[in-house]
């Protein structure tokens, strides 16, 4: 039986993302700061049948440990400018009635109380079409230089994230009973005080004593996404995540990752099928295989080598320009993007810095699928069949809607013919469409359900 998949578009509130090719002649991101730019994209993604628009976040930009910013970062827009994705969602939710939205927010930079209120607000305004991509923020230099925080080791960031999410769940699930709001004008009773609960939390990272001020929303808790392939990240996902975003390129590695994540969910007392896994994929479509290969090579060659090094620094915390070209990164450590760094740490087989610089634009991101429309559909089906992933996050390539146009026009009809996409686009809340559930609230097996004071 053919497995149906979910589809997301992978964007950031910036003119330049993933491929680092904003100046490619085919794309146009000049209007990225306007609502109209994103409204056009949302309308076309919605009409095509995408399930959600995924908005990544960057709190800072590539910088050295002492805060210096290479000129190329500003000149070639390497992870800057970047605007606030939270502010964008309500305008897009009012533009389209079906498309869902995933927004990234950091447990290292944000505070649970305010973050929880924002997501409850968005869950109301979108009628349940919101999800939180939980990140711990890998750009530690930005957090120290721009937010005045102290450097937090990688695994400790996940300890903080665990407390952050637990407190958020307590606010969402335990703050108000389902029937707390009565709205009785005759008795002047908006809500029953006995059904609104004081929450006290005195933890290692956060303190709170009071009431959650936002009334329960459609999902109560937004659908929870997470990305991170380190042992600490996967343990966190197995406990809390309902959808995990991976960037594995090797099919066997992706299959093992999917099986591992589901096993971790089961070890936490959860149904392993209550955790879905999506892989990022960069798609280039051509009329022939040769044309597709040419288009891919042109895209890969678009960023300058200097910009590629800055992009790597932003994602890994490692400044390639500070190493001799013949050196390797085999013994280098980082508290920033460990996953990115590990891609180039292969013991005695580790590539040199020169080789990394030549490969970085092709190494960042998820799987790369290149070919005719039929070939691309074949490759996507092979990935799903081999790995058992539940969907794809289609990456930014040319910029703007051009990143998705060929996929929408040529590949998606083939996926529908094969039964990989539903004939009618999915609707409902994010939890319903991603998990395939009829219920919009967290399942009873999720740890967040333990915070419900009196609900079944």
Protein backbone atom coordinates (compact mmCIF):
# COMPACT_ATOMS: atom_id res chain seq x y z
CA UNK A 1 0.00 0.00 0.00
CA UNK A 2 1.36 3.42 -0.99
CA UNK A 3 2.11 5.67 1.94
CA UNK A 4 0.65 9.17 1.85
CA UNK A 5 3.08 11.90 2.81
CA UNK A 6 2.83 15.42 4.22
CA UNK A 7 4.51 18.39 2.56
CA UNK A 8 5.97 21.59 3.95
CA UNK A 9 7.80 24.53 2.36
CA UNK A 10 11.06 25.40 4.15
CA UNK A 11 11.52 29.17 4.47
CA UNK A 12 12.95 31.84 6.73
CA UNK A 13 11.87 35.49 7.02
CA UNK A 14 14.91 36.54 5.02
CA UNK A 15 15.87 37.11 1.37
CA UNK A 16 18.51 34.37 1.49
CA UNK A 17 18.18 30.85 2.88
CA UNK A 18 19.62 27.29 2.54
CA UNK A 19 20.97 27.56 -1.03
CA UNK A 20 22.46 31.00 -0.30
CA UNK A 21 21.44 31.97 -3.85
CA UNK A 22 19.21 35.03 -3.51
CA UNK A 23 20.96 36.56 -6.53
CA UNK A 24 20.13 33.64 -8.84
CA UNK A 25 18.46 35.13 -11.94
CA UNK A 26 15.38 32.95 -11.59
CA UNK A 27 14.40 33.99 -8.07
CA UNK A 28 13.23 37.31 -6.70
CA UNK A 29 13.25 37.90 -2.94
CA UNK A 30 13.48 41.70 -3.10
CA UNK A 31 10.05 42.02 -1.49
CA UNK A 32 10.75 39.60 1.36
CA UNK A 33 10.04 42.22 4.05
CA UNK A 34 6.49 42.84 2.81
CA UNK A 35 3.32 41.00 3.75
CA UNK A 36 2.35 40.80 0.07
CA UNK A 37 5.43 38.68 -0.74
CA UNK A 38 4.44 36.04 1.80
CA UNK A 39 0.74 36.27 1.00
CA UNK A 40 1.45 35.35 -2.60
CA UNK A 41 3.54 32.40 -1.48
CA UNK A 42 0.94 31.25 1.04
CA UNK A 43 -1.86 31.39 -1.54
CA UNK A 44 0.10 29.32 -4.06
CA UNK A 45 1.27 26.76 -1.50
CA UNK A 46 -2.26 26.46 -0.19
CA UNK A 47 -3.78 26.01 -3.66
CA UNK A 48 -1.14 23.42 -4.56
CA UNK A 49 -1.96 21.28 -1.53
CA UNK A 50 1.03 21.87 0.75
CA UNK A 51 0.22 21.07 4.36
CA UNK A 52 2.26 23.86 5.94
CA UNK A 53 4.74 26.68 5.57
CA UNK A 54 7.73 26.15 7.87
CA UNK A 55 9.41 29.33 9.11
CA UNK A 56 12.91 28.84 10.47
CA UNK A 57 14.50 31.44 12.71
CA UNK A 58 17.94 33.01 13.13
CA UNK A 59 18.47 35.10 16.23
CA UNK A 60 21.78 36.36 15.00
CA UNK A 61 24.11 36.02 12.02
CA UNK A 62 27.53 34.53 11.29
CA UNK A 63 30.17 36.02 13.56
CA UNK A 64 33.47 35.06 15.08
CA UNK A 65 33.83 34.25 18.78
CA UNK A 66 34.89 37.83 19.52
CA UNK A 67 31.87 39.22 17.67
CA UNK A 68 33.50 40.26 14.40
CA UNK A 69 31.26 39.96 11.35
CA UNK A 70 32.94 39.27 7.99
CA UNK A 71 32.00 41.90 5.42
CA UNK A 72 30.60 39.21 3.14
CA UNK A 73 27.83 38.54 5.67
CA UNK A 74 26.37 42.00 5.08
CA UNK A 75 27.37 42.32 1.44
CA UNK A 76 25.94 39.00 0.28
CA UNK A 77 23.12 38.71 2.84
CA UNK A 78 24.41 35.58 4.59
CA UNK A 79 21.70 34.89 7.20
CA UNK A 80 21.03 38.62 7.49
CA UNK A 81 18.70 40.48 7.22
CA UNK A 82 16.26 38.28 9.10
CA UNK A 83 12.90 39.41 10.49
CA UNK A 84 10.53 38.06 13.16
CA UNK A 85 8.49 35.08 11.89
CA UNK A 86 5.99 35.26 14.77
CA UNK A 87 4.76 38.62 13.52
CA UNK A 88 4.07 37.18 10.08
CA UNK A 89 1.74 34.30 10.87
CA UNK A 90 -1.52 36.05 11.73
CA UNK A 91 -1.42 38.00 8.44
CA UNK A 92 -0.96 34.78 6.50
CA UNK A 93 -3.61 32.92 8.50
CA UNK A 94 -6.07 35.61 7.44
CA UNK A 95 -4.96 35.17 3.82
CA UNK A 96 -5.56 31.42 3.45
CA UNK A 97 -8.02 29.24 5.32
CA UNK A 98 -6.35 25.81 5.05
CA UNK A 99 -2.52 26.07 5.00
CA UNK A 100 -0.80 25.39 8.33
CA UNK A 101 2.19 27.20 9.82
CA UNK A 102 5.25 26.01 11.71
CA UNK A 103 7.13 28.73 13.59
CA UNK A 104 10.53 28.34 15.20
CA UNK A 105 11.12 29.68 18.71
CA UNK A 106 14.15 29.16 20.92
CA UNK A 107 14.07 27.73 24.43
CA UNK A 108 17.41 29.43 25.06
CA UNK A 109 16.37 32.92 24.00
CA UNK A 110 12.68 33.03 24.93
CA UNK A 111 10.73 32.76 28.21
CA UNK A 112 8.09 30.04 28.66
CA UNK A 113 5.31 32.35 29.91
CA UNK A 114 5.48 34.81 27.01
CA UNK A 115 6.22 32.13 24.42
CA UNK A 116 3.25 30.06 25.58
CA UNK A 117 0.94 33.08 25.40
CA UNK A 118 2.11 33.89 21.87
CA UNK A 119 1.48 30.36 20.62
CA UNK A 120 -1.93 30.22 22.27
CA UNK A 121 -2.77 33.51 20.58
CA UNK A 122 -1.64 32.15 17.22
CA UNK A 123 -3.53 28.91 17.76
CA UNK A 124 -6.72 30.96 18.25
CA UNK A 125 -6.04 33.22 15.26
CA UNK A 126 -5.20 30.30 12.95
CA UNK A 127 -7.99 28.03 14.27
CA UNK A 128 -5.47 25.40 15.24
CA UNK A 129 -3.17 25.65 12.23
CA UNK A 130 -0.03 26.41 14.24
CA UNK A 131 2.96 24.32 15.29
CA UNK A 132 6.04 25.16 17.36
CA UNK A 133 9.44 24.10 16.07
CA UNK A 134 11.34 23.78 19.34
CA UNK A 135 15.01 24.74 19.04
CA UNK A 136 17.75 25.39 21.56
CA UNK A 137 19.61 27.94 19.35
CA UNK A 138 23.03 26.92 18.12
CA UNK A 139 24.44 30.43 17.55
CA UNK A 140 25.86 30.85 21.03
CA UNK A 141 27.99 33.83 20.02
CA UNK A 142 24.84 35.70 19.01
CA UNK A 143 23.16 34.82 22.29
CA UNK A 144 26.08 36.17 24.30
CA UNK A 145 26.82 39.24 22.16
CA UNK A 146 23.25 40.26 21.29
CA UNK A 147 21.19 39.02 24.25
CA UNK A 148 23.79 39.23 27.02
CA UNK A 149 23.53 35.56 27.92
CA UNK A 150 26.34 33.34 29.08
CA UNK A 151 27.65 30.49 26.95
CA UNK A 152 25.53 27.40 27.56
CA UNK A 153 27.06 23.98 26.75
CA UNK A 154 25.19 21.89 24.19
CA UNK A 155 23.72 19.25 26.48
CA UNK A 156 22.79 21.81 29.14
CA UNK A 157 20.74 23.66 26.53
CA UNK A 158 18.58 20.55 26.28
CA UNK A 159 18.17 20.44 30.07
CA UNK A 160 16.92 24.01 29.89
CA UNK A 161 14.71 23.08 26.93
CA UNK A 162 13.19 20.20 28.89
CA UNK A 163 12.21 22.51 31.75
CA UNK A 164 11.01 25.14 29.26
CA UNK A 165 8.70 22.69 27.48
CA UNK A 166 7.43 21.11 30.70
CA UNK A 167 6.48 24.54 32.08
CA UNK A 168 4.86 25.45 28.75
CA UNK A 169 2.82 22.24 28.82
CA UNK A 170 1.71 22.99 32.36
CA UNK A 171 0.50 26.42 31.26
CA UNK A 172 -1.29 25.13 28.17
CA UNK A 173 -2.76 21.97 29.61
CA UNK A 174 -3.19 22.87 33.27
CA UNK A 175 -4.04 26.56 33.35
CA UNK A 176 -7.74 26.41 32.48
CA UNK A 177 -10.35 23.68 32.52
CA UNK A 178 -12.24 23.11 29.28
CA UNK A 179 -15.43 24.57 30.75
CA UNK A 180 -13.82 27.41 32.73
CA UNK A 181 -15.20 30.12 30.43
CA UNK A 182 -18.96 30.50 30.93
CA UNK A 183 -19.55 34.04 29.59
CA UNK A 184 -22.70 34.57 31.64
CA UNK A 185 -23.78 38.20 31.39
CA UNK A 186 -26.61 37.77 33.88
CA UNK A 187 -24.24 36.84 36.72
CA UNK A 188 -21.31 38.89 35.37
CA UNK A 189 -19.25 35.72 35.23
CA UNK A 190 -16.81 35.48 32.37
CA UNK A 191 -14.96 32.49 33.87
CA UNK A 192 -15.37 30.22 36.88
CA UNK A 193 -12.46 31.02 39.21
CA UNK A 194 -12.49 27.46 40.57
CA UNK A 195 -11.58 26.21 37.11
CA UNK A 196 -8.67 28.54 36.49
CA UNK A 197 -5.58 27.23 38.25
CA UNK A 198 -2.62 28.90 39.86
CA UNK A 199 0.65 27.45 38.63
CA UNK A 200 3.78 27.50 40.74
CA UNK A 201 7.13 26.54 39.28
CA UNK A 202 10.54 26.89 40.91
CA UNK A 203 13.07 25.23 38.64
CA UNK A 204 16.73 25.39 37.75
CA UNK A 205 16.16 27.83 34.90
CA UNK A 206 12.68 29.33 35.31
CA UNK A 207 10.44 30.59 38.10
CA UNK A 208 6.73 31.27 37.80
CA UNK A 209 3.93 31.82 40.29
CA UNK A 210 0.56 32.83 38.91
CA UNK A 211 -2.08 32.20 36.28
CA UNK A 212 -1.86 31.67 32.54
CA UNK A 213 -3.73 34.66 31.07
CA UNK A 214 -4.78 33.14 27.72
CA UNK A 215 -7.92 31.05 27.38
CA UNK A 216 -7.52 27.54 25.93
CA UNK A 217 -7.20 27.42 22.15
CA UNK A 218 -8.22 24.85 19.56
CA UNK A 219 -5.22 22.59 20.12
CA UNK A 220 -4.38 23.90 23.62
CA UNK A 221 -0.78 22.83 23.01
CA UNK A 222 0.46 23.61 19.47
CA UNK A 223 1.77 20.66 17.51
CA UNK A 224 5.36 20.17 18.72
CA UNK A 225 8.14 19.83 16.17
CA UNK A 226 11.83 19.40 16.87
CA UNK A 227 15.08 19.06 14.96
CA UNK A 228 18.40 17.81 16.29
CA UNK A 229 20.27 14.59 15.71
CA UNK A 230 22.67 14.64 18.67
CA UNK A 231 22.00 12.08 21.44
CA UNK A 232 20.58 14.86 23.65
CA UNK A 233 18.43 16.16 20.80
CA UNK A 234 17.04 12.72 19.96
CA UNK A 235 16.30 11.96 23.62
CA UNK A 236 14.41 15.24 23.83
CA UNK A 237 12.48 14.39 20.65
CA UNK A 238 11.56 10.94 21.92
CA UNK A 239 9.97 12.50 24.96
CA UNK A 240 8.20 15.57 23.57
CA UNK A 241 8.21 15.84 19.77
CA UNK A 242 5.19 14.94 17.69
CA UNK A 243 7.04 15.58 14.44
CA UNK A 244 10.80 15.49 13.94
CA UNK A 245 12.61 17.27 11.15
CA UNK A 246 15.78 15.50 9.94
CA UNK A 247 18.33 16.27 7.23
CA UNK A 248 19.75 12.83 6.55
CA UNK A 249 20.94 12.25 3.00
CA UNK A 250 21.92 8.59 3.20
CA UNK A 251 18.84 6.36 2.93
CA UNK A 252 20.09 3.75 5.37
CA UNK A 253 21.02 6.46 7.90
CA UNK A 254 17.59 8.07 7.52
CA UNK A 255 15.84 4.72 7.97
CA UNK A 256 17.85 4.02 11.13
CA UNK A 257 17.08 7.51 12.43
CA UNK A 258 13.35 7.07 11.85
CA UNK A 259 13.34 3.69 13.63
CA UNK A 260 15.42 5.10 16.49
CA UNK A 261 13.11 8.07 17.03
CA UNK A 262 10.02 5.88 17.13
CA UNK A 263 11.73 3.50 19.54
CA UNK A 264 12.62 6.44 21.79
CA UNK A 265 8.99 7.56 21.75
CA UNK A 266 7.90 4.05 22.76
CA UNK A 267 10.48 4.00 25.56
CA UNK A 268 8.77 7.12 26.93
CA UNK A 269 5.43 5.33 27.05
CA UNK A 270 4.18 6.89 23.83
CA UNK A 271 2.70 5.32 20.74
CA UNK A 272 5.61 5.18 18.26
CA UNK A 273 3.21 6.24 15.51
CA UNK A 274 2.49 9.46 17.40
CA UNK A 275 5.88 10.74 16.27
CA UNK A 276 6.17 11.60 12.58
CA UNK A 277 9.46 12.19 10.76
CA UNK A 278 10.00 14.50 7.80
CA UNK A 279 13.21 14.93 5.82
CA UNK A 280 14.38 18.08 4.09
CA UNK A 281 14.85 17.78 0.34
CA UNK A 282 16.18 20.16 -2.29
CA UNK A 283 14.43 19.54 -5.62
CA UNK A 284 15.54 20.64 -9.09
CA UNK A 285 13.39 19.65 -12.06
CA UNK A 286 14.46 19.78 -15.72
CA UNK A 287 12.90 18.78 -19.03
CA UNK A 288 15.70 16.20 -19.39
CA UNK A 289 18.18 14.65 -16.97
CA UNK A 290 20.98 16.66 -18.55
CA UNK A 291 19.08 19.92 -18.18
CA UNK A 292 18.28 19.13 -14.54
CA UNK A 293 21.97 18.40 -13.85
CA UNK A 294 22.92 21.70 -15.50
CA UNK A 295 20.37 23.62 -13.45
CA UNK A 296 21.64 21.99 -10.25
CA UNK A 297 25.25 22.83 -11.09
CA UNK A 298 24.29 26.45 -11.81
CA UNK A 299 22.48 26.72 -8.47
CA UNK A 300 25.40 25.20 -6.58
CA UNK A 301 27.82 27.62 -8.21
CA UNK A 302 25.77 30.72 -7.38
CA UNK A 303 27.17 31.54 -3.89
CA UNK A 304 30.74 32.80 -3.62
CA UNK A 305 33.29 30.72 -1.73
CA UNK A 306 33.61 33.50 0.85
CA UNK A 307 29.85 33.51 1.43
CA UNK A 308 29.87 29.73 1.73
CA UNK A 309 32.49 29.95 4.49
CA UNK A 310 30.40 32.54 6.33
CA UNK A 311 27.31 30.35 6.02
CA UNK A 312 29.24 27.42 7.48
CA UNK A 313 30.40 29.61 10.37
CA UNK A 314 26.81 30.61 11.08
CA UNK A 315 25.66 27.00 11.18
CA UNK A 316 28.63 25.44 12.97
CA UNK A 317 30.44 28.22 14.86
CA UNK A 318 33.64 27.27 13.02
CA UNK A 319 35.46 29.88 10.93
CA UNK A 320 36.96 27.96 8.02
CA UNK A 321 38.99 30.99 6.98
CA UNK A 322 41.01 30.72 10.20
CA UNK A 323 42.44 27.30 9.23
CA UNK A 324 45.13 26.43 6.69
CA UNK A 325 43.55 25.13 3.50
CA UNK A 326 45.27 21.76 3.94
CA UNK A 327 43.97 21.28 7.53
CA UNK A 328 40.97 19.16 8.47
CA UNK A 329 38.26 19.57 11.12
CA UNK A 330 38.71 16.05 12.48
CA UNK A 331 39.71 17.24 15.97
CA UNK A 332 37.67 20.45 16.11
CA UNK A 333 34.91 20.80 18.71
CA UNK A 334 32.01 23.23 18.91
CA UNK A 335 29.17 24.15 21.23
CA UNK A 336 27.20 25.50 18.29
CA UNK A 337 26.11 23.28 15.35
CA UNK A 338 27.50 19.88 16.25
CA UNK A 339 25.47 18.15 13.54
CA UNK A 340 26.89 20.40 10.83
CA UNK A 341 30.47 19.96 12.03
CA UNK A 342 30.15 16.18 12.29
CA UNK A 343 29.37 15.97 8.57
CA UNK A 344 33.04 16.76 7.87
CA UNK A 345 34.62 14.73 10.67
CA UNK A 346 35.47 11.33 9.24
CA UNK A 347 38.70 10.46 11.04
CA UNK A 348 41.60 9.94 8.67
CA UNK A 349 39.22 10.40 5.75
CA UNK A 350 38.14 13.89 6.82
CA UNK A 351 38.17 16.40 3.94
CA UNK A 352 40.53 19.34 4.00
CA UNK A 353 39.32 22.87 4.57
CA UNK A 354 39.83 23.56 0.86
CA UNK A 355 37.63 20.59 -0.01
CA UNK A 356 34.99 21.69 2.48
CA UNK A 357 34.92 25.17 0.97
CA UNK A 358 34.32 23.64 -2.44
CA UNK A 359 31.60 21.35 -1.12
CA UNK A 360 29.82 23.45 1.47
CA UNK A 361 27.12 24.81 -0.80
CA UNK A 362 26.24 21.26 -1.79
CA UNK A 363 26.59 19.82 1.71
CA UNK A 364 24.21 22.07 3.65
CA UNK A 365 20.61 20.97 3.83
CA UNK A 366 18.79 17.73 3.31
CA UNK A 367 18.54 15.24 0.47
CA UNK A 368 19.18 16.44 -3.07
CA UNK A 369 16.80 15.20 -5.73
CA UNK A 370 17.54 16.19 -9.31
CA UNK A 371 15.97 15.02 -12.58
CA UNK A 372 12.90 15.09 -14.77
CA UNK A 373 9.51 15.27 -13.09
CA UNK A 374 9.05 11.51 -13.42
CA UNK A 375 12.54 10.84 -12.11
CA UNK A 376 12.01 13.15 -9.14
CA UNK A 377 8.73 11.40 -8.30
CA UNK A 378 10.53 8.03 -8.53
CA UNK A 379 13.31 9.22 -6.23
CA UNK A 380 10.87 10.62 -3.65
CA UNK A 381 8.92 7.37 -3.64
CA UNK A 382 12.15 5.40 -3.19
CA UNK A 383 13.09 7.58 -0.22
CA UNK A 384 9.72 7.02 1.44
CA UNK A 385 9.70 3.28 0.74
CA UNK A 386 13.26 2.80 2.00
CA UNK A 387 13.18 5.02 5.08
CA UNK A 388 9.51 5.05 6.15
CA UNK A 389 9.61 8.83 6.61
CA UNK A 390 6.25 10.57 6.75
CA UNK A 391 6.87 13.54 4.50
CA UNK A 392 9.19 16.15 3.06
CA UNK A 393 10.20 19.70 3.81
CA UNK A 394 10.88 21.21 0.37
CA UNK A 395 13.86 23.54 0.60
CA UNK A 396 14.31 27.08 -0.65
CA UNK A 397 16.37 27.00 -3.85
CA UNK A 398 15.94 29.91 -6.28
CA UNK A 399 14.08 32.13 -3.83
CA UNK A 400 10.41 33.03 -3.53
CA UNK A 401 7.70 30.90 -5.10
CA UNK A 402 10.16 29.91 -7.86
CA UNK A 403 11.67 27.49 -5.35
CA UNK A 404 8.48 25.43 -5.53
CA UNK A 405 6.95 26.19 -8.94
CA UNK A 406 8.37 23.22 -10.88
CA UNK A 407 7.61 20.85 -8.02
CA UNK A 408 4.04 22.13 -7.81
CA UNK A 409 3.37 22.13 -11.55
CA UNK A 410 5.19 18.97 -12.61
CA UNK A 411 5.89 16.66 -9.68
CA UNK A 412 2.91 16.97 -7.35
CA UNK A 413 0.42 15.76 -10.01
CA UNK A 414 2.53 12.60 -10.40
CA UNK A 415 2.64 12.06 -6.63
CA UNK A 416 -1.16 12.36 -6.52
CA UNK A 417 -1.48 9.79 -9.34
CA UNK A 418 0.68 7.38 -7.30
CA UNK A 419 -1.41 7.89 -4.17
CA UNK A 420 1.43 9.57 -2.28
CA UNK A 421 -0.65 12.72 -1.84
CA UNK A 422 -4.37 12.84 -1.05
CA UNK A 423 -6.69 13.79 -3.94
CA UNK A 424 -8.08 16.59 -1.78
CA UNK A 425 -5.63 18.58 0.37
CA UNK A 426 -5.78 17.89 4.09
CA UNK A 427 -7.52 20.34 6.37
CA UNK A 428 -8.12 20.61 10.10
CA UNK A 429 -5.67 21.50 12.82
CA UNK A 430 -1.97 20.84 12.53
CA UNK A 431 -2.22 17.91 14.92
CA UNK A 432 -5.03 16.38 12.89
CA UNK A 433 -3.32 16.72 9.53
CA UNK A 434 0.21 15.75 10.54
CA UNK A 435 -0.63 12.92 12.93
CA UNK A 436 -3.76 11.80 11.06
CA UNK A 437 -5.85 12.09 14.21
CA UNK A 438 -9.46 13.16 14.70
CA UNK A 439 -8.59 14.83 18.03
CA UNK A 440 -6.88 18.22 18.09
CA UNK A 441 -5.52 17.92 21.63
CA UNK A 442 -2.40 16.07 22.77
CA UNK A 443 -2.88 12.29 22.96
CA UNK A 444 -3.18 10.83 26.43
CA UNK A 445 0.20 9.10 26.08
CA UNK A 446 2.06 12.39 25.64
CA UNK A 447 3.78 13.66 28.81
CA UNK A 448 1.89 16.94 28.50
CA UNK A 449 -1.36 15.15 29.28
CA UNK A 450 -0.15 14.65 32.86
CA UNK A 451 -0.68 18.37 33.50
CA UNK A 452 -4.43 18.21 32.89
CA UNK A 453 -6.06 18.85 36.26
CA UNK A 454 -9.49 17.35 35.77
CA UNK A 455 -9.92 16.42 32.13
CA UNK A 456 -9.95 12.81 30.93
